[in-house]
Amino acid sequence: MAQIKITQVKSYIGSKQNHRDTLRSLGLKRLGDVVVKEDRPEFRGMVHTVRHLVTVEEVD
């Protein structure tokens, strides 16, 4: 299955609590953190919630 690489590029300071919780559930703890997840609708929805704080790349 395809995978996506999620990188946190902006700080969560000043953002809503649900955005902070979403970043934590994705496994992102600090600026510059990178995680690789399966390309599934659950993760796509989480990324959509915090799209202003992260960048997404597809990994083969």
PDB file of N, CA and C in Angstrom:
ATOM      1  N   MET A   1       0.836  -1.177   0.000  1.00  0.00           N
ATOM      2  CA  MET A   1       0.000   0.000   0.000  1.00  0.00           C
ATOM      3  C   MET A   1       0.889   1.251   0.000  1.00  0.00           C
ATOM      4  N   ALA A   2       0.411   2.306  -0.590  1.00  0.00           N
ATOM      5  CA  ALA A   2       1.166   3.559  -0.658  1.00  0.00           C
ATOM      6  C   ALA A   2       1.307   4.166   0.731  1.00  0.00           C
ATOM      7  N   GLN A   3       2.350   4.965   0.882  1.00  0.00           N
ATOM      8  CA  GLN A   3       2.595   5.626   2.151  1.00  0.00           C
ATOM      9  C   GLN A   3       2.751   7.121   1.930  1.00  0.00           C
ATOM     10  N   ILE A   4       2.500   7.883   2.991  1.00  0.00           N
ATOM     11  CA  ILE A   4       2.677   9.325   2.923  1.00  0.00           C
ATOM     12  C   ILE A   4       3.644   9.755   4.020  1.00  0.00           C
ATOM     13  N   LYS A   5       4.467  10.750   3.699  1.00  0.00           N
ATOM     14  CA  LYS A   5       5.407  11.317   4.662  1.00  0.00           C
ATOM     15  C   LYS A   5       4.847  12.657   5.114  1.00  0.00           C
ATOM     16  N   ILE A   6       4.629  12.803   6.409  1.00  0.00           N
ATOM     17  CA  ILE A   6       4.032  14.004   6.972  1.00  0.00           C
ATOM     18  C   ILE A   6       5.099  14.729   7.780  1.00  0.00           C
ATOM     19  N   THR A   7       5.316  16.003   7.481  1.00  0.00           N
ATOM     20  CA  THR A   7       6.320  16.812   8.157  1.00  0.00           C
ATOM     21  C   THR A   7       5.651  18.022   8.798  1.00  0.00           C
ATOM     22  N   GLN A   8       5.937  18.259  10.066  1.00  0.00           N
ATOM     23  CA  GLN A   8       5.398  19.449  10.729  1.00  0.00           C
ATOM     24  C   GLN A   8       6.298  20.625  10.394  1.00  0.00           C
ATOM     25  N   VAL A   9       5.721  21.662   9.769  1.00  0.00           N
ATOM     26  CA  VAL A   9       6.506  22.808   9.315  1.00  0.00           C
ATOM     27  C   VAL A   9       6.163  24.096  10.056  1.00  0.00           C
ATOM     28  N   LYS A  10       5.071  24.101  10.807  1.00  0.00           N
ATOM     29  CA  LYS A  10       4.696  25.284  11.585  1.00  0.00           C
ATOM     30  C   LYS A  10       4.384  24.863  13.009  1.00  0.00           C
ATOM     31  N   SER A  11       4.567  25.790  13.927  1.00  0.00           N
ATOM     32  CA  SER A  11       4.319  25.520  15.334  1.00  0.00           C
ATOM     33  C   SER A  11       2.822  25.473  15.625  1.00  0.00           C
ATOM     34  N   TYR A  12       2.461  24.703  16.633  1.00  0.00           N
ATOM     35  CA  TYR A  12       1.057  24.611  17.027  1.00  0.00           C
ATOM     36  C   TYR A  12       0.698  25.637  18.099  1.00  0.00           C
ATOM     37  N   ILE A  13       1.649  26.472  18.509  1.00  0.00           N
ATOM     38  CA  ILE A  13       1.369  27.491  19.526  1.00  0.00           C
ATOM     39  C   ILE A  13       0.286  28.425  18.999  1.00  0.00           C
ATOM     40  N   GLY A  14      -0.730  28.628  19.800  1.00  0.00           N
ATOM     41  CA  GLY A  14      -1.830  29.496  19.426  1.00  0.00           C
ATOM     42  C   GLY A  14      -2.921  28.823  18.620  1.00  0.00           C
ATOM     43  N   SER A  15      -2.745  27.547  18.310  1.00  0.00           N
ATOM     44  CA  SER A  15      -3.775  26.854  17.538  1.00  0.00           C
ATOM     45  C   SER A  15      -4.800  26.229  18.479  1.00  0.00           C
ATOM     46  N   LYS A  16      -5.858  25.716  17.914  1.00  0.00           N
ATOM     47  CA  LYS A  16      -6.931  25.122  18.702  1.00  0.00           C
ATOM     48  C   LYS A  16      -6.474  23.812  19.332  1.00  0.00           C
ATOM     49  N   GLN A  17      -7.142  23.440  20.402  1.00  0.00           N
ATOM     50  CA  GLN A  17      -6.773  22.216  21.120  1.00  0.00           C
ATOM     51  C   GLN A  17      -6.939  20.977  20.248  1.00  0.00           C
ATOM     52  N   ASN A  18      -7.971  20.936  19.399  1.00  0.00           N
ATOM     53  CA  ASN A  18      -8.145  19.746  18.561  1.00  0.00           C
ATOM     54  C   ASN A  18      -7.032  19.630  17.518  1.00  0.00           C
ATOM     55  N   HIS A  19      -6.439  20.746  17.097  1.00  0.00           N
ATOM     56  CA  HIS A  19      -5.300  20.691  16.180  1.00  0.00           C
ATOM     57  C   HIS A  19      -4.082  20.126  16.904  1.00  0.00           C
ATOM     58  N   ARG A  20      -3.879  20.541  18.146  1.00  0.00           N
ATOM     59  CA  ARG A  20      -2.767  19.998  18.942  1.00  0.00           C
ATOM     60  C   ARG A  20      -2.941  18.499  19.147  1.00  0.00           C
ATOM     61  N   ASP A  21      -4.156  18.085  19.468  1.00  0.00           N
ATOM     62  CA  ASP A  21      -4.433  16.664  19.680  1.00  0.00           C
ATOM     63  C   ASP A  21      -4.224  15.859  18.402  1.00  0.00           C
ATOM     64  N   THR A  22      -4.605  16.430  17.270  1.00  0.00           N
ATOM     65  CA  THR A  22      -4.428  15.741  15.994  1.00  0.00           C
ATOM     66  C   THR A  22      -2.950  15.550  15.680  1.00  0.00           C
ATOM     67  N   LEU A  23      -2.138  16.572  15.911  1.00  0.00           N
ATOM     68  CA  LEU A  23      -0.697  16.452  15.682  1.00  0.00           C
ATOM     69  C   LEU A  23      -0.116  15.353  16.574  1.00  0.00           C
ATOM     70  N   ARG A  24      -0.539  15.323  17.828  1.00  0.00           N
ATOM     71  CA  ARG A  24      -0.035  14.298  18.737  1.00  0.00           C
ATOM     72  C   ARG A  24      -0.438  12.903  18.281  1.00  0.00           C
ATOM     73  N   SER A  25      -1.669  12.745  17.814  1.00  0.00           N
ATOM     74  CA  SER A  25      -2.126  11.428  17.379  1.00  0.00           C
ATOM     75  C   SER A  25      -1.435  10.989  16.094  1.00  0.00           C
ATOM     76  N   LEU A  26      -0.967  11.948  15.307  1.00  0.00           N
ATOM     77  CA  LEU A  26      -0.174  11.609  14.124  1.00  0.00           C
ATOM     78  C   LEU A  26       1.261  11.243  14.493  1.00  0.00           C
ATOM     79  N   GLY A  27       1.678  11.590  15.706  1.00  0.00           N
ATOM     80  CA  GLY A  27       3.033  11.287  16.153  1.00  0.00           C
ATOM     81  C   GLY A  27       3.997  12.445  15.992  1.00  0.00           C
ATOM     82  N   LEU A  28       3.471  13.643  15.777  1.00  0.00           N
ATOM     83  CA  LEU A  28       4.312  14.830  15.615  1.00  0.00           C
ATOM     84  C   LEU A  28       4.368  15.584  16.936  1.00  0.00           C
ATOM     85  N   LYS A  29       5.592  15.740  17.472  1.00  0.00           N
ATOM     86  CA  LYS A  29       5.744  16.365  18.777  1.00  0.00           C
ATOM     87  C   LYS A  29       6.354  17.753  18.697  1.00  0.00           C
ATOM     88  N   ARG A  30       7.207  17.986  17.690  1.00  0.00           N
ATOM     89  CA  ARG A  30       7.865  19.284  17.611  1.00  0.00           C
ATOM     90  C   ARG A  30       8.094  19.668  16.159  1.00  0.00           C
ATOM     91  N   LEU A  31       8.463  20.900  15.968  1.00  0.00           N
ATOM     92  CA  LEU A  31       8.704  21.437  14.640  1.00  0.00           C
ATOM     93  C   LEU A  31       9.800  20.631  13.933  1.00  0.00           C
ATOM     94  N   GLY A  32       9.557  20.243  12.697  1.00  0.00           N
ATOM     95  CA  GLY A  32      10.535  19.478  11.928  1.00  0.00           C
ATOM     96  C   GLY A  32      10.388  17.978  12.049  1.00  0.00           C
ATOM     97  N   ASP A  33       9.505  17.499  12.897  1.00  0.00           N
ATOM     98  CA  ASP A  33       9.284  16.057  13.034  1.00  0.00           C
ATOM     99  C   ASP A  33       8.685  15.492  11.746  1.00  0.00           C
ATOM    100  N   VAL A  34       9.070  14.262  11.434  1.00  0.00           N
ATOM    101  CA  VAL A  34       8.594  13.577  10.232  1.00  0.00           C
ATOM    102  C   VAL A  34       8.079  12.205  10.630  1.00  0.00           C
ATOM    103  N   VAL A  35       6.913  11.834  10.107  1.00  0.00           N
ATOM    104  CA  VAL A  35       6.373  10.490  10.298  1.00  0.00           C
ATOM    105  C   VAL A  35       5.935   9.947   8.942  1.00  0.00           C
ATOM    106  N   VAL A  36       5.997   8.631   8.814  1.00  0.00           N
ATOM    107  CA  VAL A  36       5.528   7.968   7.599  1.00  0.00           C
ATOM    108  C   VAL A  36       4.349   7.092   7.987  1.00  0.00           C
ATOM    109  N   LYS A  37       3.223   7.335   7.346  1.00  0.00           N
ATOM    110  CA  LYS A  37       1.994   6.597   7.634  1.00  0.00           C
ATOM    111  C   LYS A  37       1.453   5.993   6.350  1.00  0.00           C
ATOM    112  N   GLU A  38       0.590   4.983   6.503  1.00  0.00           N
ATOM    113  CA  GLU A  38      -0.091   4.412   5.342  1.00  0.00           C
ATOM    114  C   GLU A  38      -1.069   5.441   4.790  1.00  0.00           C
ATOM    115  N   ASP A  39      -1.260   5.423   3.487  1.00  0.00           N
ATOM    116  CA  ASP A  39      -2.185   6.367   2.846  1.00  0.00           C
ATOM    117  C   ASP A  39      -3.601   5.823   2.984  1.00  0.00           C
ATOM    118  N   ARG A  40      -4.206   6.098   4.138  1.00  0.00           N
ATOM    119  CA  ARG A  40      -5.566   5.641   4.422  1.00  0.00           C
ATOM    120  C   ARG A  40      -6.448   6.842   4.708  1.00  0.00           C
ATOM    121  N   PRO A  41      -7.743   6.691   4.553  1.00  0.00           N
ATOM    122  CA  PRO A  41      -8.662   7.824   4.773  1.00  0.00           C
ATOM    123  C   PRO A  41      -8.571   8.424   6.171  1.00  0.00           C
ATOM    124  N   GLU A  42      -8.277   7.585   7.180  1.00  0.00           N
ATOM    125  CA  GLU A  42      -8.180   8.104   8.545  1.00  0.00           C
ATOM    126  C   GLU A  42      -7.049   9.130   8.660  1.00  0.00           C
ATOM    127  N   PHE A  43      -5.892   8.787   8.107  1.00  0.00           N
ATOM    128  CA  PHE A  43      -4.746   9.688   8.181  1.00  0.00           C
ATOM    129  C   PHE A  43      -4.936  10.892   7.265  1.00  0.00           C
ATOM    130  N   ARG A  44      -5.554  10.695   6.116  1.00  0.00           N
ATOM    131  CA  ARG A  44      -5.831  11.824   5.212  1.00  0.00           C
ATOM    132  C   ARG A  44      -6.754  12.837   5.893  1.00  0.00           C
ATOM    133  N   GLY A  45      -7.730  12.359   6.655  1.00  0.00           N
ATOM    134  CA  GLY A  45      -8.621  13.254   7.372  1.00  0.00           C
ATOM    135  C   GLY A  45      -7.902  14.036   8.451  1.00  0.00           C
ATOM    136  N   MET A  46      -6.996  13.371   9.174  1.00  0.00           N
ATOM    137  CA  MET A  46      -6.214  14.060  10.195  1.00  0.00           C
ATOM    138  C   MET A  46      -5.315  15.123   9.573  1.00  0.00           C
ATOM    139  N   VAL A  47      -4.692  14.771   8.444  1.00  0.00           N
ATOM    140  CA  VAL A  47      -3.817  15.727   7.759  1.00  0.00           C
ATOM    141  C   VAL A  47      -4.635  16.909   7.262  1.00  0.00           C
ATOM    142  N   HIS A  48      -5.847  16.653   6.799  1.00  0.00           N
ATOM    143  CA  HIS A  48      -6.697  17.738   6.318  1.00  0.00           C
ATOM    144  C   HIS A  48      -7.029  18.719   7.450  1.00  0.00           C
ATOM    145  N   THR A  49      -7.182  18.203   8.658  1.00  0.00           N
ATOM    146  CA  THR A  49      -7.487  19.052   9.809  1.00  0.00           C
ATOM    147  C   THR A  49      -6.348  20.013  10.121  1.00  0.00           C
ATOM    148  N   VAL A  50      -5.105  19.557   9.987  1.00  0.00           N
ATOM    149  CA  VAL A  50      -3.947  20.390  10.329  1.00  0.00           C
ATOM    150  C   VAL A  50      -3.127  20.739   9.086  1.00  0.00           C
ATOM    151  N   ARG A  51      -3.785  20.878   7.956  1.00  0.00           N
ATOM    152  CA  ARG A  51      -3.086  21.099   6.688  1.00  0.00           C
ATOM    153  C   ARG A  51      -2.265  22.382   6.670  1.00  0.00           C
ATOM    154  N   HIS A  52      -2.599  23.344   7.521  1.00  0.00           N
ATOM    155  CA  HIS A  52      -1.848  24.593   7.572  1.00  0.00           C
ATOM    156  C   HIS A  52      -0.577  24.469   8.410  1.00  0.00           C
ATOM    157  N   LEU A  53      -0.393  23.341   9.095  1.00  0.00           N
ATOM    158  CA  LEU A  53       0.767  23.133   9.952  1.00  0.00           C
ATOM    159  C   LEU A  53       1.730  22.078   9.410  1.00  0.00           C
ATOM    160  N   VAL A  54       1.324  21.322   8.388  1.00  0.00           N
ATOM    161  CA  VAL A  54       2.133  20.209   7.902  1.00  0.00           C
ATOM    162  C   VAL A  54       2.261  20.239   6.383  1.00  0.00           C
ATOM    163  N   THR A  55       3.252  19.495   5.891  1.00  0.00           N
ATOM    164  CA  THR A  55       3.355  19.218   4.460  1.00  0.00           C
ATOM    165  C   THR A  55       3.285  17.710   4.285  1.00  0.00           C
ATOM    166  N   VAL A  56       2.782  17.289   3.130  1.00  0.00           N
ATOM    167  CA  VAL A  56       2.587  15.865   2.848  1.00  0.00           C
ATOM    168  C   VAL A  56       3.251  15.513   1.536  1.00  0.00           C
ATOM    169  N   GLU A  57       3.986  14.403   1.539  1.00  0.00           N
ATOM    170  CA  GLU A  57       4.606  13.877   0.318  1.00  0.00           C
ATOM    171  C   GLU A  57       4.263  12.395   0.219  1.00  0.00           C
ATOM    172  N   GLU A  58       4.108  11.920  -1.009  1.00  0.00           N
ATOM    173  CA  GLU A  58       3.871  10.500  -1.203  1.00  0.00           C
ATOM    174  C   GLU A  58       5.214   9.774  -1.274  1.00  0.00           C
ATOM    175  N   VAL A  59       5.291   8.624  -0.629  1.00  0.00           N
ATOM    176  CA  VAL A  59       6.500   7.810  -0.588  1.00  0.00           C
ATOM    177  C   VAL A  59       6.200   6.501  -1.299  1.00  0.00           C
ATOM    178  N   ASP A  60       7.135   6.041  -2.101  1.00  0.00           N
ATOM    179  CA  ASP A  60       6.953   4.759  -2.798  1.00  0.00           C
ATOM    180  C   ASP A  60       7.474   3.605  -1.969  1.00  0.00           C
TER     181      ASP A  60
END
